[in-house]
Protein backbone atom coordinates (compact mmCIF):
# COMPACT_ATOMS: atom_id res chain seq x y z
CA MET A 1 -22.62 122.76 -32.75
CA ALA A 2 -22.43 121.61 -29.14
CA SER A 3 -24.35 118.59 -28.06
CA VAL A 4 -27.43 118.89 -25.89
CA MET A 5 -25.67 116.87 -23.19
CA GLY A 6 -22.68 119.24 -23.34
CA LEU A 7 -24.95 122.29 -22.99
CA LEU A 8 -26.70 120.75 -20.01
CA GLU A 9 -23.36 119.94 -18.38
CA GLU A 10 -22.22 123.55 -18.85
CA ARG A 11 -25.42 124.85 -17.29
CA GLU A 12 -25.09 122.44 -14.38
CA ALA A 13 -21.49 123.52 -13.81
CA ALA A 14 -22.50 127.19 -13.83
CA ALA A 15 -25.33 126.48 -11.39
CA ARG A 16 -22.92 124.57 -9.10
CA VAL A 17 -20.50 127.53 -9.09
CA ARG A 18 -23.36 129.89 -8.21
CA VAL A 19 -24.51 127.63 -5.37
CA GLU A 20 -20.96 127.47 -3.98
CA GLU A 21 -20.64 131.27 -4.18
CA LEU A 22 -23.93 131.76 -2.36
CA GLN A 23 -23.01 129.15 0.27
CA ALA A 24 -19.73 130.98 0.95
CA GLU A 25 -21.63 134.26 1.26
CA ALA A 26 -24.19 132.67 3.59
CA ASP A 27 -21.38 131.25 5.75
CA ARG A 28 -19.78 134.70 5.95
CA ILE A 29 -23.09 136.33 6.89
CA MET A 30 -23.80 133.69 9.55
CA SER A 31 -20.37 134.36 11.04
CA GLU A 32 -21.05 138.11 11.12
CA LEU A 33 -24.46 137.47 12.66
CA ALA A 34 -22.96 135.34 15.43
CA ALA A 35 -20.44 138.09 16.22
CA ALA A 36 -23.18 140.74 16.29
CA GLU A 37 -25.32 138.58 18.59
CA ALA A 38 -22.35 138.20 20.96
CA VAL A 39 -21.92 141.99 21.08
CA LEU A 40 -25.64 142.44 21.74
CA GLU A 41 -25.58 139.90 24.56
CA ARG A 42 -22.51 141.51 26.19
CA ARG A 43 -24.11 144.96 26.03
CA ALA A 44 -27.37 143.71 27.51
CA ILE A 45 -25.45 142.06 30.34
CA ALA A 46 -23.42 145.24 30.90
CA ARG A 47 -26.65 147.25 31.18
CA VAL A 48 -28.04 144.84 33.78
CA GLU A 49 -24.76 144.85 35.71
CA LEU A 50 -24.73 148.64 35.73
CA ALA A 51 -28.34 148.79 36.91
CA GLU A 52 -27.47 146.42 39.75
CA ALA A 53 -24.39 148.42 40.71
CA LEU A 54 -26.31 151.70 40.77
CA ALA A 55 -29.26 150.28 42.69
CA ALA A 56 -29.59 150.73 46.43
CA PRO A 57 -28.18 147.74 48.38
CA GLY A 58 -31.65 146.35 49.17
CA ASP A 59 -32.91 146.88 45.63
CA ALA A 60 -30.02 145.12 43.83
CA ALA A 61 -31.74 141.73 43.68
CA ASP A 62 -35.01 143.28 42.52
CA ALA A 63 -33.25 145.30 39.81
CA ALA A 64 -31.54 142.17 38.49
CA VAL A 65 -34.82 140.34 38.17
CA GLN A 66 -36.61 143.30 36.53
CA GLU A 67 -33.78 144.17 34.12
CA ALA A 68 -32.75 140.64 33.07
CA PRO A 69 -32.44 140.61 29.27
CA GLU A 70 -34.20 138.07 27.13
CA PRO A 71 -31.75 135.45 25.88
CA VAL A 72 -30.69 136.00 22.29
CA PRO A 73 -31.58 132.94 20.23
CA ALA A 74 -28.68 131.41 18.36
CA ALA A 75 -28.88 131.62 14.60
CA LYS A 76 -28.98 128.28 12.87
CA ALA A 77 -27.82 127.74 9.33
CA VAL A 78 -29.84 125.27 7.36
CA LYS A 79 -27.74 123.53 4.74
CA VAL A 80 -29.59 121.79 1.98
CA PRO A 81 -27.76 119.09 0.05
CA VAL A 82 -27.22 119.90 -3.61
CA ALA A 83 -27.08 117.12 -6.19
CA GLY A 84 -23.57 116.62 -7.47
CA ARG A 85 -21.99 118.64 -4.67
CA PRO A 86 -19.60 117.00 -2.20
CA CYS A 87 -20.97 116.66 1.30
CA ARG A 88 -18.79 118.67 3.73
CA THR A 89 -20.05 117.15 6.95
CA SER A 90 -19.63 113.47 6.19
CA GLY A 91 -16.05 113.61 4.98
CA ARG A 92 -17.10 111.97 1.73
CA GLY A 93 -16.88 113.77 -1.53
């Protein structure tokens, strides 16, 4: 029969592995999100540039002001420290 302490250590190790897996997945998703936001921003800028180019010479400045896209907010990952897990940002671990 395994000791209670041994069982708790096994459960903690399994939980740590799950947290690391989810953190890796979250990092991957945040990277994909940043790439998608960059594509969105480029396309919005392209639309504004095209509207300016197609506008009459006197209307170009007005078109730019009217068609200016809203800035896309940058996604921010919030990392929560996990007990027993090495800290990646401090260099300690």
